[in-house]
Amino acid sequence: MPQLDTSTWLLTITLMILALFCIYQSKMINQTMISIPPQDKKIIKPTTQLPWESKWTKIYLPHSSPLLS
């Protein structure tokens, strides 16, 4: 039974990674990156008060607690 020659695997894998990197870079060089300009204004969240925001509307029980009816 012949032995599998693994002496060139390191070179093959290294060249494959290098080739994939070069392909990736050549694809990405044509892409335009979106840059978000810094905002000087602070974001103001609207402060509308809804009736259900000011009170607790649900009762939560832990999973181990029995339900009380």
Protein backbone atom coordinates (compact mmCIF):
# COMPACT_ATOMS: atom_id res chain seq x y z
CA MET A 1 0.00 0.00 0.00
CA PRO A 2 1.63 3.31 -1.00
CA GLN A 3 2.10 6.05 1.55
CA LEU A 4 0.30 9.35 1.14
CA ASP A 5 2.80 12.10 0.41
CA THR A 6 1.91 15.05 2.66
CA SER A 7 5.06 17.09 2.14
CA THR A 8 3.39 19.57 -0.23
CA TRP A 9 0.22 20.12 1.81
CA LEU A 10 1.62 23.10 3.72
CA LEU A 11 2.58 24.84 0.49
CA THR A 12 -0.77 24.02 -1.12
CA ILE A 13 -2.82 25.29 1.82
CA THR A 14 -0.70 28.43 2.14
CA LEU A 15 -1.06 29.27 -1.53
CA MET A 16 -4.80 28.58 -1.41
CA ILE A 17 -5.26 31.00 1.50
CA LEU A 18 -3.14 33.61 -0.27
CA ALA A 19 -5.16 33.19 -3.48
CA LEU A 20 -8.46 33.51 -1.59
CA PHE A 21 -7.19 36.63 0.14
CA CYS A 22 -6.18 38.17 -3.19
CA ILE A 23 -9.57 37.34 -4.73
CA TYR A 24 -11.37 38.81 -1.73
CA GLN A 25 -9.30 42.00 -1.89
CA SER A 26 -9.89 42.41 -5.61
CA LYS A 27 -13.65 42.05 -5.08
CA MET A 28 -13.70 44.48 -2.17
CA ILE A 29 -11.64 47.20 -3.87
CA ASN A 30 -14.63 48.08 -6.07
CA GLN A 31 -17.08 48.38 -3.17
CA THR A 32 -17.95 51.76 -1.71
CA MET A 33 -17.95 51.81 2.04
CA ILE A 34 -20.69 53.78 3.74
CA SER A 35 -19.31 56.22 6.27
CA ILE A 36 -21.71 57.63 8.80
CA PRO A 37 -20.97 61.29 9.49
CA PRO A 38 -20.80 62.22 13.16
CA GLN A 39 -23.95 63.85 14.39
CA ASP A 40 -23.65 67.08 16.30
CA LYS A 41 -27.23 67.07 17.46
CA LYS A 42 -28.42 64.88 20.27
CA ILE A 43 -31.19 62.47 19.45
CA ILE A 44 -34.31 63.54 21.29
CA LYS A 45 -36.71 60.73 22.04
CA PRO A 46 -40.36 61.71 22.00
CA THR A 47 -41.85 61.61 25.47
CA THR A 48 -45.43 60.62 24.85
CA GLN A 49 -46.91 59.09 27.96
CA LEU A 50 -49.17 56.15 27.18
CA PRO A 51 -51.50 54.75 29.85
CA TRP A 52 -49.83 51.33 29.94
CA GLU A 53 -46.31 52.74 30.30
CA SER A 54 -46.88 54.05 33.80
CA LYS A 55 -48.20 50.86 35.39
CA TRP A 56 -47.37 47.19 35.58
CA THR A 57 -49.79 45.28 33.39
CA LYS A 58 -48.72 41.66 33.77
CA ILE A 59 -47.93 39.38 36.65
CA TYR A 60 -45.00 37.09 36.11
CA LEU A 61 -44.38 34.01 38.22
CA PRO A 62 -41.20 31.97 38.29
CA HIS A 63 -41.45 28.62 36.51
CA SER A 64 -41.20 26.72 39.78
CA SER A 65 -44.08 28.54 41.46
CA PRO A 66 -47.51 26.92 41.35
CA LEU A 67 -50.30 28.90 39.80
CA LEU A 68 -52.75 30.34 42.30
CA SER A 69 -56.31 30.54 41.14
